[in-house]
Amino acid sequence: MKLIKTKIEDLFILEPKVFADDRGYFFESYNKKTLDDLLGKEYNFVQDNESKSSYGVIRGLHYQFAPYSQAKLVRVLEGRVYDVAVDLRKDSPTFGEWAGVELSAENKRQFLIPKGFAHGYSVLSEIAVFNYKCDEYYHPEAEAGIIYNDPSLDIDWEIPEKDAKLSEKDKLLPELKKAKMNF
């Protein structure tokens, strides 16, 4: 597995080694020891989630308050998404900055998002099936978020604004400057 650094410390893109031939392909999508050795840090994922969305759907930007904050290892099983993580760690030199990566069934890349980040993605293909591992269980009382189109973040979701589809809940999220966080 290849580790690709982003402009934000501790935020990584992972590229698996894929073995392909005329029969199809094989790759190891997750190996705890390999990941821990590669990062020099241990993650203990306890919950897997999967979602299916259509073109233009934007999910996020979501996070959970400490002590229930979540690290996530995300990937796409079908289709393509543009995946985004925003640094919410108050003492970080990159607080309020974001990084994004296209994840697809074809490139098989994964995005490792540590605790202290807001996370979201937009669907670029007709359909996308998205999978993510979390190192903390979902706690609805700890959930929070930031509005996807916060002007201070200026995220390019790689879809036209007119095509953006959000949940009613996500439409009500605050801007970063008004968001509550405790990282």
N, C-alpha and C. Protein backbone atom coordinates (compact mmCIF):
# COMPACT_ATOMS: atom_id res chain seq x y z
N MET A 1 0.84 -1.18 0.00
CA MET A 1 0.00 0.00 0.00
C MET A 1 0.89 1.24 0.00
N LYS A 2 0.50 2.22 -0.80
CA LYS A 2 1.25 3.46 -0.91
C LYS A 2 0.55 4.55 -0.10
N LEU A 3 1.33 5.29 0.69
CA LEU A 3 0.83 6.39 1.50
C LEU A 3 1.14 7.70 0.78
N ILE A 4 0.09 8.50 0.51
CA ILE A 4 0.26 9.79 -0.17
C ILE A 4 -0.11 10.89 0.82
N LYS A 5 0.82 11.79 1.09
CA LYS A 5 0.57 12.89 2.01
C LYS A 5 -0.25 13.97 1.33
N THR A 6 -1.06 14.67 2.11
CA THR A 6 -1.80 15.84 1.63
C THR A 6 -1.12 17.07 2.22
N LYS A 7 -1.65 18.24 1.95
CA LYS A 7 -1.09 19.48 2.49
C LYS A 7 -1.38 19.64 3.98
N ILE A 8 -2.21 18.75 4.53
CA ILE A 8 -2.60 18.83 5.94
C ILE A 8 -2.00 17.64 6.69
N GLU A 9 -1.32 17.94 7.78
CA GLU A 9 -0.67 16.91 8.59
C GLU A 9 -1.70 15.87 9.07
N ASP A 10 -1.32 14.61 9.01
CA ASP A 10 -2.11 13.46 9.47
C ASP A 10 -3.27 13.08 8.56
N LEU A 11 -3.47 13.78 7.46
CA LEU A 11 -4.54 13.49 6.50
C LEU A 11 -3.89 12.83 5.29
N PHE A 12 -4.24 11.56 5.02
CA PHE A 12 -3.54 10.79 4.01
C PHE A 12 -4.48 10.15 2.99
N ILE A 13 -3.95 9.98 1.79
CA ILE A 13 -4.58 9.18 0.74
C ILE A 13 -3.83 7.86 0.72
N LEU A 14 -4.56 6.78 0.65
CA LEU A 14 -3.95 5.45 0.60
C LEU A 14 -4.26 4.83 -0.76
N GLU A 15 -3.25 4.28 -1.37
CA GLU A 15 -3.40 3.66 -2.68
C GLU A 15 -2.98 2.19 -2.56
N PRO A 16 -3.94 1.27 -2.69
CA PRO A 16 -3.60 -0.14 -2.54
C PRO A 16 -2.84 -0.70 -3.75
N LYS A 17 -2.17 -1.78 -3.52
CA LYS A 17 -1.51 -2.50 -4.60
C LYS A 17 -2.55 -3.46 -5.18
N VAL A 18 -2.89 -3.25 -6.45
CA VAL A 18 -3.94 -4.03 -7.11
C VAL A 18 -3.29 -5.05 -8.03
N PHE A 19 -3.74 -6.29 -7.91
CA PHE A 19 -3.27 -7.37 -8.77
C PHE A 19 -4.38 -7.69 -9.76
N ALA A 20 -4.15 -7.33 -11.02
CA ALA A 20 -5.19 -7.50 -12.04
C ALA A 20 -4.70 -8.40 -13.17
N ASP A 21 -5.61 -9.15 -13.73
CA ASP A 21 -5.34 -9.94 -14.93
C ASP A 21 -6.66 -10.11 -15.69
N ASP A 22 -6.66 -11.02 -16.66
CA ASP A 22 -7.86 -11.16 -17.49
C ASP A 22 -9.06 -11.73 -16.73
N ARG A 23 -8.86 -12.21 -15.52
CA ARG A 23 -9.96 -12.73 -14.70
C ARG A 23 -10.63 -11.64 -13.87
N GLY A 24 -9.92 -10.51 -13.68
CA GLY A 24 -10.44 -9.46 -12.81
C GLY A 24 -9.30 -8.88 -11.98
N TYR A 25 -9.55 -8.65 -10.71
CA TYR A 25 -8.52 -8.07 -9.85
C TYR A 25 -8.67 -8.56 -8.42
N PHE A 26 -7.63 -8.33 -7.64
CA PHE A 26 -7.62 -8.59 -6.20
C PHE A 26 -6.78 -7.52 -5.55
N PHE A 27 -7.24 -7.04 -4.39
CA PHE A 27 -6.40 -6.18 -3.56
C PHE A 27 -6.86 -6.28 -2.12
N GLU A 28 -5.93 -6.01 -1.23
CA GLU A 28 -6.23 -5.99 0.19
C GLU A 28 -6.73 -4.59 0.53
N SER A 29 -8.01 -4.47 0.85
CA SER A 29 -8.57 -3.14 1.11
C SER A 29 -8.28 -2.65 2.52
N TYR A 30 -8.05 -3.56 3.44
CA TYR A 30 -7.73 -3.15 4.81
C TYR A 30 -6.94 -4.24 5.50
N ASN A 31 -5.86 -3.83 6.14
CA ASN A 31 -5.05 -4.71 6.97
C ASN A 31 -4.56 -3.84 8.12
N LYS A 32 -5.04 -4.11 9.31
CA LYS A 32 -4.72 -3.27 10.46
C LYS A 32 -3.22 -3.14 10.67
N LYS A 33 -2.50 -4.23 10.64
CA LYS A 33 -1.05 -4.18 10.87
C LYS A 33 -0.34 -3.34 9.80
N THR A 34 -0.69 -3.56 8.54
CA THR A 34 -0.08 -2.79 7.46
C THR A 34 -0.33 -1.30 7.64
N LEU A 35 -1.58 -0.95 7.94
CA LEU A 35 -1.92 0.47 8.11
C LEU A 35 -1.20 1.06 9.32
N ASP A 36 -1.23 0.38 10.44
CA ASP A 36 -0.56 0.88 11.65
C ASP A 36 0.94 1.06 11.41
N ASP A 37 1.57 0.08 10.74
CA ASP A 37 3.01 0.17 10.45
C ASP A 37 3.30 1.33 9.51
N LEU A 38 2.46 1.51 8.51
CA LEU A 38 2.65 2.57 7.52
C LEU A 38 2.54 3.96 8.16
N LEU A 39 1.59 4.10 9.08
CA LEU A 39 1.33 5.39 9.71
C LEU A 39 2.16 5.63 10.97
N GLY A 40 2.65 4.56 11.58
CA GLY A 40 3.32 4.70 12.86
C GLY A 40 2.34 5.09 13.95
N LYS A 41 1.09 4.76 13.74
CA LYS A 41 0.01 5.10 14.66
C LYS A 41 -1.04 4.02 14.55
N GLU A 42 -1.71 3.75 15.66
CA GLU A 42 -2.70 2.69 15.66
C GLU A 42 -4.12 3.25 15.57
N TYR A 43 -4.91 2.66 14.69
CA TYR A 43 -6.34 2.96 14.58
C TYR A 43 -7.09 1.68 14.92
N ASN A 44 -8.16 1.82 15.68
CA ASN A 44 -9.00 0.68 16.02
C ASN A 44 -10.40 0.95 15.51
N PHE A 45 -10.66 0.52 14.29
CA PHE A 45 -11.96 0.75 13.68
C PHE A 45 -12.99 -0.20 14.28
N VAL A 46 -14.17 0.35 14.63
CA VAL A 46 -15.19 -0.42 15.35
C VAL A 46 -16.53 -0.46 14.61
N GLN A 47 -16.68 0.33 13.57
CA GLN A 47 -17.97 0.40 12.88
C GLN A 47 -17.73 0.66 11.40
N ASP A 48 -18.43 -0.07 10.54
CA ASP A 48 -18.41 0.17 9.09
C ASP A 48 -19.78 0.70 8.68
N ASN A 49 -19.78 1.69 7.79
CA ASN A 49 -21.01 2.27 7.26
C ASN A 49 -20.95 2.24 5.74
N GLU A 50 -22.11 2.18 5.12
CA GLU A 50 -22.18 2.21 3.66
C GLU A 50 -23.37 3.06 3.26
N SER A 51 -23.18 3.86 2.21
CA SER A 51 -24.29 4.66 1.69
C SER A 51 -24.30 4.59 0.17
N LYS A 52 -25.48 4.71 -0.39
CA LYS A 52 -25.65 4.77 -1.84
C LYS A 52 -26.32 6.10 -2.15
N SER A 53 -25.77 6.82 -3.11
CA SER A 53 -26.28 8.15 -3.45
C SER A 53 -26.25 8.34 -4.96
N SER A 54 -27.06 9.28 -5.42
CA SER A 54 -27.11 9.59 -6.84
C SER A 54 -26.30 10.85 -7.14
N TYR A 55 -26.11 11.11 -8.43
CA TYR A 55 -25.33 12.26 -8.88
C TYR A 55 -25.81 13.55 -8.21
N GLY A 56 -24.86 14.37 -7.77
CA GLY A 56 -25.15 15.68 -7.21
C GLY A 56 -25.38 15.69 -5.71
N VAL A 57 -25.53 14.53 -5.11
CA VAL A 57 -25.72 14.49 -3.66
C VAL A 57 -24.43 14.95 -2.98
N ILE A 58 -24.59 15.83 -2.01
CA ILE A 58 -23.48 16.23 -1.14
C ILE A 58 -23.87 15.81 0.27
N ARG A 59 -23.02 15.02 0.88
CA ARG A 59 -23.22 14.59 2.26
C ARG A 59 -22.12 15.24 3.09
N GLY A 60 -22.53 16.02 4.07
CA GLY A 60 -21.53 16.66 4.92
C GLY A 60 -21.70 18.16 4.94
N LEU A 61 -20.84 18.75 5.61
CA LEU A 61 -19.61 18.35 6.28
C LEU A 61 -19.93 17.93 7.72
N HIS A 62 -19.64 16.72 8.11
CA HIS A 62 -20.04 16.16 9.39
C HIS A 62 -18.84 15.84 10.29
N TYR A 63 -19.11 15.87 11.60
CA TYR A 63 -18.15 15.41 12.60
C TYR A 63 -18.90 15.13 13.89
N GLN A 64 -18.22 14.50 14.84
CA GLN A 64 -18.77 14.28 16.18
C GLN A 64 -17.85 14.96 17.18
N PHE A 65 -18.47 15.55 18.22
CA PHE A 65 -17.70 16.18 19.30
C PHE A 65 -16.91 15.13 20.07
N ALA A 66 -15.75 15.56 20.59
CA ALA A 66 -15.01 14.73 21.54
C ALA A 66 -15.86 14.61 22.80
N PRO A 67 -15.88 13.51 23.49
CA PRO A 67 -14.96 12.38 23.35
C PRO A 67 -15.40 11.35 22.32
N TYR A 68 -16.39 11.67 21.51
CA TYR A 68 -16.90 10.72 20.53
C TYR A 68 -16.43 11.01 19.11
N SER A 69 -15.41 11.85 18.96
CA SER A 69 -14.92 12.17 17.62
C SER A 69 -14.45 10.89 16.92
N GLN A 70 -14.53 10.92 15.60
CA GLN A 70 -14.25 9.73 14.81
C GLN A 70 -13.13 9.96 13.81
N ALA A 71 -12.22 9.01 13.73
CA ALA A 71 -11.33 8.90 12.58
C ALA A 71 -12.08 8.02 11.59
N LYS A 72 -11.86 8.27 10.29
CA LYS A 72 -12.56 7.51 9.27
C LYS A 72 -11.58 7.07 8.19
N LEU A 73 -11.81 5.88 7.67
CA LEU A 73 -11.11 5.38 6.50
C LEU A 73 -12.19 5.13 5.46
N VAL A 74 -12.19 5.95 4.38
CA VAL A 74 -13.30 5.95 3.43
C VAL A 74 -12.85 5.48 2.05
N ARG A 75 -13.80 4.87 1.33
CA ARG A 75 -13.53 4.44 -0.04
C ARG A 75 -14.83 4.28 -0.81
N VAL A 76 -14.72 4.19 -2.13
CA VAL A 76 -15.88 4.05 -3.01
C VAL A 76 -15.88 2.63 -3.60
N LEU A 77 -17.03 1.98 -3.51
CA LEU A 77 -17.17 0.63 -4.06
C LEU A 77 -17.74 0.64 -5.47
N GLU A 78 -18.54 1.66 -5.76
CA GLU A 78 -19.14 1.82 -7.10
C GLU A 78 -19.24 3.31 -7.39
N GLY A 79 -18.83 3.72 -8.59
CA GLY A 79 -18.95 5.11 -9.00
C GLY A 79 -17.76 5.98 -8.59
N ARG A 80 -18.04 7.31 -8.49
CA ARG A 80 -16.99 8.29 -8.19
C ARG A 80 -17.53 9.36 -7.25
N VAL A 81 -16.70 9.79 -6.31
CA VAL A 81 -17.05 10.91 -5.44
C VAL A 81 -15.85 11.84 -5.32
N TYR A 82 -16.14 13.08 -4.91
CA TYR A 82 -15.09 14.01 -4.51
C TYR A 82 -15.19 14.11 -3.01
N ASP A 83 -14.16 13.64 -2.32
CA ASP A 83 -14.17 13.53 -0.87
C ASP A 83 -13.36 14.68 -0.26
N VAL A 84 -13.90 15.29 0.80
CA VAL A 84 -13.31 16.48 1.39
C VAL A 84 -13.19 16.33 2.90
N ALA A 85 -12.07 16.78 3.46
CA ALA A 85 -11.87 16.83 4.90
C ALA A 85 -11.39 18.24 5.28
N VAL A 86 -12.00 18.80 6.33
CA VAL A 86 -11.66 20.14 6.82
C VAL A 86 -11.04 20.01 8.20
N ASP A 87 -9.87 20.61 8.38
CA ASP A 87 -9.15 20.57 9.65
C ASP A 87 -9.85 21.46 10.68
N LEU A 88 -10.32 20.87 11.77
CA LEU A 88 -10.99 21.61 12.84
C LEU A 88 -10.18 21.60 14.13
N ARG A 89 -8.94 21.17 14.05
CA ARG A 89 -8.09 21.11 15.25
C ARG A 89 -7.60 22.53 15.55
N LYS A 90 -8.08 23.12 16.64
CA LYS A 90 -7.82 24.53 16.96
C LYS A 90 -6.34 24.90 16.98
N ASP A 91 -5.49 23.99 17.44
CA ASP A 91 -4.05 24.29 17.53
C ASP A 91 -3.27 23.94 16.27
N SER A 92 -3.95 23.50 15.25
CA SER A 92 -3.28 23.10 14.02
C SER A 92 -2.94 24.32 13.17
N PRO A 93 -1.76 24.33 12.54
CA PRO A 93 -1.43 25.44 11.64
C PRO A 93 -2.32 25.47 10.40
N THR A 94 -3.05 24.38 10.14
CA THR A 94 -3.94 24.33 8.98
C THR A 94 -5.42 24.35 9.40
N PHE A 95 -5.71 24.86 10.61
CA PHE A 95 -7.10 24.97 11.07
C PHE A 95 -7.92 25.72 10.01
N GLY A 96 -9.07 25.16 9.64
CA GLY A 96 -9.95 25.80 8.67
C GLY A 96 -9.58 25.55 7.22
N GLU A 97 -8.51 24.80 6.99
CA GLU A 97 -8.14 24.45 5.61
C GLU A 97 -8.72 23.08 5.27
N TRP A 98 -8.86 22.84 3.98
CA TRP A 98 -9.43 21.58 3.54
C TRP A 98 -8.56 20.95 2.46
N ALA A 99 -8.74 19.66 2.30
CA ALA A 99 -8.10 18.91 1.21
C ALA A 99 -9.15 17.98 0.64
N GLY A 100 -9.06 17.73 -0.65
CA GLY A 100 -10.01 16.85 -1.31
C GLY A 100 -9.33 15.90 -2.25
N VAL A 101 -10.00 14.79 -2.53
CA VAL A 101 -9.46 13.77 -3.43
C VAL A 101 -10.62 13.06 -4.12
N GLU A 102 -10.43 12.72 -5.39
CA GLU A 102 -11.43 11.90 -6.06
C GLU A 102 -11.18 10.45 -5.68
N LEU A 103 -12.24 9.83 -5.20
CA LEU A 103 -12.23 8.40 -4.88
C LEU A 103 -13.18 7.71 -5.85
N SER A 104 -12.75 6.58 -6.37
CA SER A 104 -13.61 5.87 -7.31
C SER A 104 -13.41 4.37 -7.21
N ALA A 105 -14.36 3.65 -7.76
CA ALA A 105 -14.23 2.19 -7.84
C ALA A 105 -13.02 1.84 -8.70
N GLU A 106 -12.71 2.68 -9.68
CA GLU A 106 -11.59 2.41 -10.58
C GLU A 106 -10.23 2.67 -9.91
N ASN A 107 -10.07 3.82 -9.23
CA ASN A 107 -8.73 4.11 -8.68
C ASN A 107 -8.50 3.42 -7.32
N LYS A 108 -9.56 2.98 -6.67
CA LYS A 108 -9.50 2.21 -5.43
C LYS A 108 -8.77 2.93 -4.28
N ARG A 109 -8.59 4.24 -4.45
CA ARG A 109 -7.94 5.01 -3.39
C ARG A 109 -8.86 5.11 -2.17
N GLN A 110 -8.20 5.32 -1.02
CA GLN A 110 -8.91 5.52 0.23
C GLN A 110 -8.40 6.82 0.85
N PHE A 111 -9.22 7.42 1.70
CA PHE A 111 -8.87 8.66 2.37
C PHE A 111 -8.92 8.37 3.86
N LEU A 112 -7.82 8.62 4.56
CA LEU A 112 -7.75 8.44 6.00
C LEU A 112 -7.91 9.80 6.66
N ILE A 113 -9.01 9.95 7.36
CA ILE A 113 -9.37 11.23 7.97
C ILE A 113 -9.27 11.06 9.49
N PRO A 114 -8.33 11.74 10.14
CA PRO A 114 -8.18 11.58 11.59
C PRO A 114 -9.27 12.31 12.37
N LYS A 115 -9.29 12.08 13.68
CA LYS A 115 -10.20 12.82 14.57
C LYS A 115 -9.89 14.30 14.44
N GLY A 116 -10.92 15.12 14.63
CA GLY A 116 -10.72 16.56 14.57
C GLY A 116 -10.93 17.17 13.20
N PHE A 117 -11.56 16.42 12.31
CA PHE A 117 -11.84 16.90 10.96
C PHE A 117 -13.34 16.78 10.68
N ALA A 118 -13.86 17.73 9.89
CA ALA A 118 -15.19 17.59 9.32
C ALA A 118 -15.01 16.86 7.99
N HIS A 119 -16.00 16.06 7.62
CA HIS A 119 -15.89 15.23 6.42
C HIS A 119 -17.16 15.31 5.59
N GLY A 120 -16.98 15.32 4.27
CA GLY A 120 -18.11 15.27 3.37
C GLY A 120 -17.68 14.84 1.98
N TYR A 121 -18.66 14.57 1.13
CA TYR A 121 -18.34 14.20 -0.24
C TYR A 121 -19.49 14.55 -1.17
N SER A 122 -19.14 14.74 -2.44
CA SER A 122 -20.13 14.96 -3.49
C SER A 122 -20.05 13.79 -4.46
N VAL A 123 -21.20 13.42 -5.02
CA VAL A 123 -21.26 12.30 -5.95
C VAL A 123 -21.11 12.81 -7.37
N LEU A 124 -20.08 12.31 -8.07
CA LEU A 124 -19.74 12.74 -9.41
C LEU A 124 -20.31 11.82 -10.50
N SER A 125 -20.66 10.61 -10.13
CA SER A 125 -21.17 9.63 -11.09
C SER A 125 -22.68 9.49 -10.93
N GLU A 126 -23.30 8.74 -11.82
CA GLU A 126 -24.75 8.55 -11.76
C GLU A 126 -25.16 7.98 -10.40
N ILE A 127 -24.39 7.02 -9.91
CA ILE A 127 -24.62 6.38 -8.61
C ILE A 127 -23.25 6.19 -7.96
N ALA A 128 -23.19 6.29 -6.65
CA ALA A 128 -21.97 5.96 -5.92
C ALA A 128 -22.33 5.18 -4.67
N VAL A 129 -21.57 4.14 -4.42
CA VAL A 129 -21.68 3.38 -3.18
C VAL A 129 -20.41 3.67 -2.40
N PHE A 130 -20.60 4.22 -1.21
CA PHE A 130 -19.53 4.75 -0.39
C PHE A 130 -19.43 3.93 0.89
N ASN A 131 -18.22 3.56 1.28
CA ASN A 131 -17.99 2.75 2.48
C ASN A 131 -17.01 3.45 3.38
N TYR A 132 -17.27 3.43 4.68
CA TYR A 132 -16.29 4.01 5.60
C TYR A 132 -16.25 3.29 6.93
N LYS A 133 -15.03 3.17 7.41
CA LYS A 133 -14.75 2.61 8.71
C LYS A 133 -14.62 3.77 9.69
N CYS A 134 -15.11 3.59 10.92
CA CYS A 134 -15.00 4.61 11.97
C CYS A 134 -14.34 3.99 13.19
N ASP A 135 -13.54 4.78 13.89
CA ASP A 135 -12.90 4.26 15.09
C ASP A 135 -13.66 4.61 16.38
N GLU A 136 -14.87 5.13 16.20
CA GLU A 136 -15.76 5.41 17.34
C GLU A 136 -17.18 5.16 16.84
N TYR A 137 -18.04 4.72 17.72
CA TYR A 137 -19.42 4.47 17.35
C TYR A 137 -20.16 5.78 17.11
N TYR A 138 -21.23 5.70 16.35
CA TYR A 138 -22.08 6.86 16.10
C TYR A 138 -22.82 7.23 17.38
N HIS A 139 -22.76 8.51 17.73
CA HIS A 139 -23.47 9.05 18.89
C HIS A 139 -24.27 10.26 18.41
N PRO A 140 -25.59 10.10 18.20
CA PRO A 140 -26.38 11.20 17.64
C PRO A 140 -26.32 12.48 18.47
N GLU A 141 -26.17 12.35 19.78
CA GLU A 141 -26.11 13.55 20.62
C GLU A 141 -24.80 14.33 20.44
N ALA A 142 -23.81 13.72 19.80
CA ALA A 142 -22.50 14.36 19.60
C ALA A 142 -22.30 14.84 18.16
N GLU A 143 -23.29 14.63 17.29
CA GLU A 143 -23.09 14.98 15.89
C GLU A 143 -23.18 16.49 15.68
N ALA A 144 -22.37 16.95 14.72
CA ALA A 144 -22.32 18.37 14.37
C ALA A 144 -21.88 18.48 12.92
N GLY A 145 -21.84 19.71 12.43
CA GLY A 145 -21.41 19.88 11.05
C GLY A 145 -21.23 21.33 10.67
N ILE A 146 -20.78 21.51 9.44
CA ILE A 146 -20.54 22.82 8.84
C ILE A 146 -21.22 22.81 7.47
N ILE A 147 -21.82 23.92 7.11
CA ILE A 147 -22.51 24.01 5.82
C ILE A 147 -21.51 23.80 4.67
N TYR A 148 -21.94 23.05 3.68
CA TYR A 148 -21.06 22.66 2.57
C TYR A 148 -20.54 23.85 1.77
N ASN A 149 -21.32 24.94 1.70
CA ASN A 149 -20.95 26.07 0.85
C ASN A 149 -20.46 27.28 1.66
N ASP A 150 -19.85 27.02 2.80
CA ASP A 150 -19.31 28.09 3.63
C ASP A 150 -18.33 28.91 2.80
N PRO A 151 -18.56 30.23 2.66
CA PRO A 151 -17.67 31.04 1.82
C PRO A 151 -16.24 31.12 2.34
N SER A 152 -16.04 30.96 3.65
CA SER A 152 -14.67 31.01 4.17
C SER A 152 -13.87 29.77 3.77
N LEU A 153 -14.55 28.68 3.49
CA LEU A 153 -13.86 27.46 3.05
C LEU A 153 -13.70 27.43 1.53
N ASP A 154 -14.69 27.93 0.81
CA ASP A 154 -14.65 28.01 -0.65
C ASP A 154 -14.30 26.66 -1.28
N ILE A 155 -15.03 25.63 -0.88
CA ILE A 155 -14.78 24.28 -1.40
C ILE A 155 -15.40 24.14 -2.79
N ASP A 156 -14.61 23.64 -3.72
CA ASP A 156 -15.11 23.30 -5.05
C ASP A 156 -15.52 21.83 -5.00
N TRP A 157 -16.82 21.59 -4.98
CA TRP A 157 -17.33 20.23 -4.87
C TRP A 157 -17.34 19.50 -6.21
N GLU A 158 -16.86 20.15 -7.24
CA GLU A 158 -16.71 19.56 -8.56
C GLU A 158 -18.03 19.15 -9.22
N ILE A 159 -19.11 19.79 -8.78
CA ILE A 159 -20.41 19.68 -9.45
C ILE A 159 -21.00 21.08 -9.50
N PRO A 160 -21.83 21.36 -10.50
CA PRO A 160 -22.47 22.68 -10.54
C PRO A 160 -23.39 22.88 -9.34
N GLU A 161 -23.42 24.08 -8.79
CA GLU A 161 -24.27 24.39 -7.63
C GLU A 161 -25.73 24.01 -7.89
N LYS A 162 -26.21 24.20 -9.12
CA LYS A 162 -27.61 23.89 -9.45
C LYS A 162 -27.92 22.40 -9.31
N ASP A 163 -26.89 21.54 -9.35
CA ASP A 163 -27.08 20.09 -9.25
C ASP A 163 -26.95 19.56 -7.83
N ALA A 164 -26.55 20.42 -6.88
CA ALA A 164 -26.32 19.98 -5.51
C ALA A 164 -27.62 19.55 -4.84
N LYS A 165 -27.59 18.36 -4.24
CA LYS A 165 -28.74 17.81 -3.51
C LYS A 165 -28.29 17.53 -2.08
N LEU A 166 -28.96 18.17 -1.12
CA LEU A 166 -28.61 18.00 0.29
C LEU A 166 -29.81 17.55 1.11
N SER A 167 -29.53 16.93 2.24
CA SER A 167 -30.60 16.61 3.17
C SER A 167 -31.08 17.91 3.80
N GLU A 168 -32.30 17.92 4.31
CA GLU A 168 -32.81 19.10 4.99
C GLU A 168 -31.94 19.45 6.19
N LYS A 169 -31.46 18.44 6.88
CA LYS A 169 -30.59 18.65 8.04
C LYS A 169 -29.27 19.33 7.65
N ASP A 170 -28.67 18.89 6.54
CA ASP A 170 -27.40 19.47 6.10
C ASP A 170 -27.56 20.91 5.61
N LYS A 171 -28.74 21.25 5.12
CA LYS A 171 -28.98 22.62 4.67
C LYS A 171 -28.98 23.62 5.82
N LEU A 172 -29.17 23.13 7.05
CA LEU A 172 -29.26 23.99 8.23
C LEU A 172 -27.96 24.10 9.02
N LEU A 173 -26.91 23.45 8.54
CA LEU A 173 -25.64 23.49 9.27
C LEU A 173 -25.05 24.90 9.26
N PRO A 174 -24.33 25.28 10.32
CA PRO A 174 -23.75 26.62 10.41
C PRO A 174 -22.46 26.75 9.60
N GLU A 175 -22.03 27.98 9.41
CA GLU A 175 -20.71 28.24 8.83
C GLU A 175 -19.65 27.91 9.88
N LEU A 176 -18.43 27.74 9.42
CA LEU A 176 -17.30 27.39 10.30
C LEU A 176 -17.20 28.36 11.47
N LYS A 177 -17.32 29.66 11.22
CA LYS A 177 -17.11 30.66 12.28
C LYS A 177 -18.18 30.57 13.37
N LYS A 178 -19.32 29.92 13.10
CA LYS A 178 -20.38 29.77 14.09
C LYS A 178 -20.51 28.33 14.60
N ALA A 179 -19.72 27.43 14.06
CA ALA A 179 -19.82 26.02 14.42
C ALA A 179 -19.22 25.76 15.80
N LYS A 180 -19.84 24.85 16.52
CA LYS A 180 -19.30 24.43 17.82
C LYS A 180 -18.37 23.26 17.57
N MET A 181 -17.24 23.26 18.26
CA MET A 181 -16.29 22.15 18.16
C MET A 181 -15.44 22.13 19.42
N ASN A 182 -14.84 21.01 19.70
CA ASN A 182 -14.01 20.90 20.91
C ASN A 182 -12.77 20.02 20.66
N PHE A 183 -12.09 20.29 19.58
CA PHE A 183 -10.90 19.50 19.25
C PHE A 183 -9.64 20.27 19.66
